[in-house]
Amino acid sequence: FNESRAAQSESLVTFARGGVRTVDDKEPHDENLNCLVHIQGANMHGAARVADKQFDVSMDSGCIKLMSSVEVYQVVQHETKEEREKLGGGKETVTKYIYTE
């Protein structure tokens, strides 16, 4: 999974290097519309408030993008019962639980 993600990232970076345009930060130009650009001479800043409603988090400044990553695991319970003789007579049932992912 991680190797696949790394290969995907490397492929995207290689693609971007081939098509990126370096521009100055003075004013936008129509020929750069819908193109990947590298802005030279400016600090990146958010143009609007960034918020995540699911986690009730928001940033008014200093944030470009919020991202959450969720992983879900399912645990399966396995049960075994064993009946055995008690010391002094009688029987008892012992239940054992094993958990796997």
N, C-alpha and C. Protein backbone atom coordinates (compact mmCIF):
# COMPACT_ATOMS: atom_id res chain seq x y z
N PHE A 1 0.83 -1.20 0.00
CA PHE A 1 0.00 0.00 0.00
C PHE A 1 0.87 1.25 0.00
N ASN A 2 1.85 1.34 0.89
CA ASN A 2 2.73 2.50 0.93
C ASN A 2 3.58 2.62 -0.32
N GLU A 3 4.03 1.47 -0.86
CA GLU A 3 4.83 1.50 -2.09
C GLU A 3 3.99 2.02 -3.26
N SER A 4 2.73 1.62 -3.29
CA SER A 4 1.83 2.08 -4.34
C SER A 4 1.62 3.59 -4.24
N ARG A 5 1.43 4.07 -3.01
CA ARG A 5 1.23 5.51 -2.80
C ARG A 5 2.50 6.29 -3.18
N ALA A 6 3.67 5.76 -2.84
CA ALA A 6 4.93 6.42 -3.18
C ALA A 6 5.12 6.47 -4.70
N ALA A 7 4.78 5.39 -5.37
CA ALA A 7 4.91 5.35 -6.83
C ALA A 7 3.95 6.35 -7.48
N GLN A 8 2.74 6.45 -6.94
CA GLN A 8 1.76 7.40 -7.45
C GLN A 8 2.26 8.83 -7.27
N SER A 9 2.80 9.13 -6.09
CA SER A 9 3.31 10.48 -5.81
C SER A 9 4.47 10.82 -6.74
N GLU A 10 5.37 9.87 -6.94
CA GLU A 10 6.51 10.10 -7.82
C GLU A 10 6.05 10.36 -9.25
N SER A 11 5.05 9.62 -9.69
CA SER A 11 4.50 9.81 -11.02
C SER A 11 3.88 11.20 -11.18
N LEU A 12 3.14 11.65 -10.16
CA LEU A 12 2.52 12.97 -10.21
C LEU A 12 3.57 14.08 -10.22
N VAL A 13 4.61 13.93 -9.41
CA VAL A 13 5.67 14.94 -9.37
C VAL A 13 6.39 15.02 -10.71
N THR A 14 6.67 13.86 -11.31
CA THR A 14 7.32 13.84 -12.62
C THR A 14 6.44 14.52 -13.68
N PHE A 15 5.14 14.24 -13.65
CA PHE A 15 4.20 14.86 -14.57
C PHE A 15 4.17 16.37 -14.36
N ALA A 16 4.14 16.80 -13.10
CA ALA A 16 4.07 18.23 -12.78
C ALA A 16 5.32 18.97 -13.24
N ARG A 17 6.46 18.36 -13.05
CA ARG A 17 7.72 19.01 -13.48
C ARG A 17 7.72 19.31 -14.97
N GLY A 18 7.08 18.43 -15.73
CA GLY A 18 7.06 18.61 -17.18
C GLY A 18 6.09 19.70 -17.64
N GLY A 19 5.09 20.04 -16.83
CA GLY A 19 4.09 20.99 -17.30
C GLY A 19 3.93 22.24 -16.47
N VAL A 20 4.78 22.45 -15.48
CA VAL A 20 4.64 23.61 -14.60
C VAL A 20 5.17 24.87 -15.28
N ARG A 21 4.52 25.99 -14.98
CA ARG A 21 4.97 27.30 -15.49
C ARG A 21 5.38 28.13 -14.28
N THR A 22 6.55 28.75 -14.36
CA THR A 22 7.00 29.66 -13.30
C THR A 22 6.57 31.07 -13.66
N VAL A 23 5.84 31.72 -12.76
CA VAL A 23 5.32 33.06 -13.01
C VAL A 23 5.68 33.96 -11.83
N ASP A 24 5.58 35.29 -12.05
CA ASP A 24 5.81 36.21 -10.93
C ASP A 24 4.50 36.45 -10.20
N ASP A 25 4.58 37.12 -9.06
CA ASP A 25 3.39 37.32 -8.24
C ASP A 25 2.71 38.66 -8.46
N LYS A 26 3.03 39.34 -9.55
CA LYS A 26 2.50 40.68 -9.79
C LYS A 26 1.01 40.67 -10.15
N GLU A 27 0.64 39.91 -11.15
CA GLU A 27 -0.77 39.87 -11.58
C GLU A 27 -1.04 38.58 -12.33
N PRO A 28 -2.29 38.13 -12.35
CA PRO A 28 -2.63 36.91 -13.10
C PRO A 28 -2.67 37.17 -14.61
N HIS A 29 -2.37 36.12 -15.37
CA HIS A 29 -2.42 36.21 -16.82
C HIS A 29 -3.36 35.12 -17.35
N ASP A 30 -4.15 35.48 -18.35
CA ASP A 30 -5.13 34.54 -18.90
C ASP A 30 -4.50 33.27 -19.47
N GLU A 31 -3.28 33.36 -19.97
CA GLU A 31 -2.65 32.17 -20.56
C GLU A 31 -2.28 31.13 -19.51
N ASN A 32 -2.31 31.51 -18.22
CA ASN A 32 -2.01 30.56 -17.15
C ASN A 32 -3.26 29.93 -16.53
N LEU A 33 -4.42 30.29 -17.05
CA LEU A 33 -5.68 29.76 -16.55
C LEU A 33 -5.72 28.25 -16.76
N ASN A 34 -6.09 27.51 -15.72
CA ASN A 34 -6.17 26.04 -15.74
C ASN A 34 -4.83 25.36 -15.95
N CYS A 35 -3.74 26.05 -15.62
CA CYS A 35 -2.40 25.47 -15.72
C CYS A 35 -1.79 25.36 -14.33
N LEU A 36 -0.86 24.43 -14.18
CA LEU A 36 -0.11 24.31 -12.95
C LEU A 36 0.96 25.39 -12.96
N VAL A 37 0.97 26.26 -11.92
CA VAL A 37 1.93 27.35 -11.88
C VAL A 37 2.76 27.31 -10.61
N HIS A 38 3.98 27.76 -10.72
CA HIS A 38 4.87 27.96 -9.59
C HIS A 38 5.05 29.47 -9.46
N ILE A 39 4.55 30.04 -8.36
CA ILE A 39 4.62 31.49 -8.19
C ILE A 39 5.91 31.84 -7.48
N GLN A 40 6.67 32.69 -8.12
CA GLN A 40 7.97 33.08 -7.60
C GLN A 40 7.87 34.45 -6.93
N GLY A 41 8.43 34.57 -5.73
CA GLY A 41 8.51 35.86 -5.07
C GLY A 41 7.36 36.18 -4.14
N ALA A 42 6.54 35.19 -3.77
CA ALA A 42 5.40 35.46 -2.88
C ALA A 42 5.26 34.34 -1.86
N ASN A 43 4.71 34.68 -0.72
CA ASN A 43 4.39 33.68 0.30
C ASN A 43 2.95 33.22 0.10
N MET A 44 2.72 31.93 0.24
CA MET A 44 1.38 31.40 0.07
C MET A 44 0.53 31.79 1.27
N HIS A 45 -0.73 32.10 1.01
CA HIS A 45 -1.67 32.39 2.08
C HIS A 45 -3.08 31.99 1.63
N GLY A 46 -3.89 31.68 2.59
CA GLY A 46 -5.26 31.28 2.27
C GLY A 46 -6.10 32.49 1.91
N ALA A 47 -6.98 32.31 0.96
CA ALA A 47 -7.84 33.41 0.53
C ALA A 47 -9.14 33.46 1.35
N ALA A 48 -9.47 32.38 2.04
CA ALA A 48 -10.71 32.33 2.82
C ALA A 48 -10.51 31.42 4.03
N ARG A 49 -11.46 31.45 4.92
CA ARG A 49 -11.44 30.60 6.11
C ARG A 49 -11.53 29.14 5.69
N VAL A 50 -10.77 28.27 6.35
CA VAL A 50 -10.76 26.85 6.05
C VAL A 50 -11.44 26.13 7.22
N ALA A 51 -12.41 25.25 6.92
CA ALA A 51 -13.16 24.59 7.99
C ALA A 51 -13.45 23.14 7.64
N ASP A 52 -13.57 22.31 8.68
CA ASP A 52 -13.99 20.93 8.55
C ASP A 52 -15.19 20.75 9.48
N LYS A 53 -16.39 20.63 8.91
CA LYS A 53 -17.62 20.54 9.70
C LYS A 53 -17.70 19.25 10.50
N GLN A 54 -17.12 18.17 9.96
CA GLN A 54 -17.19 16.87 10.63
C GLN A 54 -16.53 16.92 12.00
N PHE A 55 -15.39 17.62 12.12
CA PHE A 55 -14.66 17.68 13.37
C PHE A 55 -14.79 19.03 14.07
N ASP A 56 -15.62 19.91 13.54
CA ASP A 56 -15.85 21.24 14.10
C ASP A 56 -14.53 21.98 14.33
N VAL A 57 -13.72 22.04 13.26
CA VAL A 57 -12.42 22.71 13.30
C VAL A 57 -12.41 23.77 12.20
N SER A 58 -11.85 24.94 12.52
CA SER A 58 -11.71 25.96 11.48
C SER A 58 -10.46 26.79 11.74
N MET A 59 -9.90 27.31 10.67
CA MET A 59 -8.71 28.16 10.73
C MET A 59 -9.00 29.42 9.93
N ASP A 60 -8.86 30.57 10.57
CA ASP A 60 -9.10 31.84 9.88
C ASP A 60 -7.90 32.26 9.04
N SER A 61 -6.70 31.90 9.49
CA SER A 61 -5.50 32.27 8.74
C SER A 61 -4.41 31.24 8.98
N GLY A 62 -3.40 31.28 8.13
CA GLY A 62 -2.25 30.39 8.28
C GLY A 62 -2.50 28.96 7.85
N CYS A 63 -3.59 28.70 7.16
CA CYS A 63 -3.92 27.34 6.73
C CYS A 63 -4.41 27.37 5.29
N ILE A 64 -3.90 26.47 4.47
CA ILE A 64 -4.31 26.37 3.08
C ILE A 64 -5.33 25.25 2.90
N LYS A 65 -5.12 24.12 3.61
CA LYS A 65 -5.98 22.96 3.42
C LYS A 65 -6.02 22.13 4.70
N LEU A 66 -7.20 21.64 5.06
CA LEU A 66 -7.35 20.69 6.15
C LEU A 66 -7.60 19.32 5.55
N MET A 67 -6.98 18.30 6.12
CA MET A 67 -7.15 16.95 5.61
C MET A 67 -7.26 15.99 6.78
N SER A 68 -8.19 15.05 6.71
CA SER A 68 -8.30 14.03 7.74
C SER A 68 -8.13 12.67 7.10
N SER A 69 -7.50 11.78 7.84
CA SER A 69 -7.28 10.43 7.37
C SER A 69 -7.88 9.48 8.40
N VAL A 70 -8.77 8.61 7.96
CA VAL A 70 -9.47 7.71 8.87
C VAL A 70 -9.15 6.27 8.49
N GLU A 71 -8.81 5.47 9.50
CA GLU A 71 -8.56 4.05 9.29
C GLU A 71 -9.53 3.27 10.17
N VAL A 72 -10.11 2.22 9.62
CA VAL A 72 -11.08 1.42 10.35
C VAL A 72 -10.56 -0.02 10.40
N TYR A 73 -10.62 -0.59 11.58
CA TYR A 73 -10.21 -1.97 11.77
C TYR A 73 -11.39 -2.76 12.31
N GLN A 74 -11.54 -3.97 11.83
CA GLN A 74 -12.60 -4.84 12.33
C GLN A 74 -11.93 -5.96 13.10
N VAL A 75 -12.37 -6.16 14.33
CA VAL A 75 -11.85 -7.22 15.17
C VAL A 75 -12.91 -8.31 15.25
N VAL A 76 -12.48 -9.56 15.02
CA VAL A 76 -13.41 -10.69 15.05
C VAL A 76 -13.15 -11.49 16.31
N GLN A 77 -14.20 -11.77 17.04
CA GLN A 77 -14.09 -12.54 18.28
C GLN A 77 -14.39 -14.00 17.99
N HIS A 78 -13.48 -14.90 18.41
CA HIS A 78 -13.66 -16.34 18.27
C HIS A 78 -13.82 -16.92 19.67
N GLU A 79 -14.83 -17.75 19.83
CA GLU A 79 -15.13 -18.29 21.16
C GLU A 79 -15.02 -19.80 21.13
N THR A 80 -14.33 -20.37 22.12
CA THR A 80 -14.28 -21.83 22.28
C THR A 80 -14.70 -22.17 23.70
N LYS A 81 -15.47 -23.25 23.84
CA LYS A 81 -15.93 -23.68 25.16
C LYS A 81 -15.38 -25.07 25.43
N GLU A 82 -14.94 -25.24 26.66
CA GLU A 82 -14.37 -26.52 27.05
C GLU A 82 -15.01 -26.92 28.38
N GLU A 83 -15.53 -28.10 28.42
CA GLU A 83 -16.13 -28.60 29.65
C GLU A 83 -15.12 -29.50 30.34
N ARG A 84 -14.95 -29.29 31.66
CA ARG A 84 -13.99 -30.11 32.39
C ARG A 84 -14.51 -30.43 33.79
N GLU A 85 -13.92 -31.44 34.36
CA GLU A 85 -14.30 -31.91 35.69
C GLU A 85 -13.71 -30.98 36.74
N LYS A 86 -14.51 -30.63 37.72
CA LYS A 86 -14.05 -29.81 38.83
C LYS A 86 -13.46 -30.72 39.91
N LEU A 87 -12.50 -30.19 40.62
CA LEU A 87 -11.91 -30.91 41.74
C LEU A 87 -12.98 -31.08 42.81
N GLY A 88 -13.23 -32.28 43.25
CA GLY A 88 -14.28 -32.52 44.24
C GLY A 88 -15.60 -32.88 43.61
N GLY A 89 -15.64 -32.99 42.28
CA GLY A 89 -16.88 -33.40 41.62
C GLY A 89 -17.56 -32.25 40.90
N GLY A 90 -18.36 -32.60 39.97
CA GLY A 90 -19.07 -31.60 39.19
C GLY A 90 -18.32 -31.24 37.91
N LYS A 91 -18.97 -30.46 37.12
CA LYS A 91 -18.37 -30.03 35.86
C LYS A 91 -18.44 -28.52 35.76
N GLU A 92 -17.51 -27.98 35.01
CA GLU A 92 -17.53 -26.54 34.73
C GLU A 92 -17.21 -26.31 33.27
N THR A 93 -17.74 -25.23 32.75
CA THR A 93 -17.48 -24.86 31.35
C THR A 93 -16.56 -23.64 31.35
N VAL A 94 -15.45 -23.78 30.66
CA VAL A 94 -14.49 -22.68 30.53
C VAL A 94 -14.60 -22.13 29.11
N THR A 95 -14.81 -20.84 29.02
CA THR A 95 -14.93 -20.19 27.72
C THR A 95 -13.67 -19.38 27.46
N LYS A 96 -13.06 -19.61 26.28
CA LYS A 96 -11.86 -18.86 25.89
C LYS A 96 -12.19 -18.00 24.68
N TYR A 97 -11.65 -16.79 24.67
CA TYR A 97 -11.88 -15.85 23.56
C TYR A 97 -10.55 -15.52 22.90
N ILE A 98 -10.55 -15.55 21.57
CA ILE A 98 -9.38 -15.15 20.78
C ILE A 98 -9.86 -14.07 19.81
N TYR A 99 -9.06 -13.03 19.62
CA TYR A 99 -9.44 -11.91 18.75
C TYR A 99 -8.46 -11.81 17.59
N THR A 100 -9.00 -11.68 16.38
CA THR A 100 -8.16 -11.48 15.19
C THR A 100 -8.68 -10.28 14.41
N GLU A 101 -7.82 -9.74 13.57
CA GLU A 101 -8.23 -8.60 12.71
C GLU A 101 -8.81 -9.11 11.43
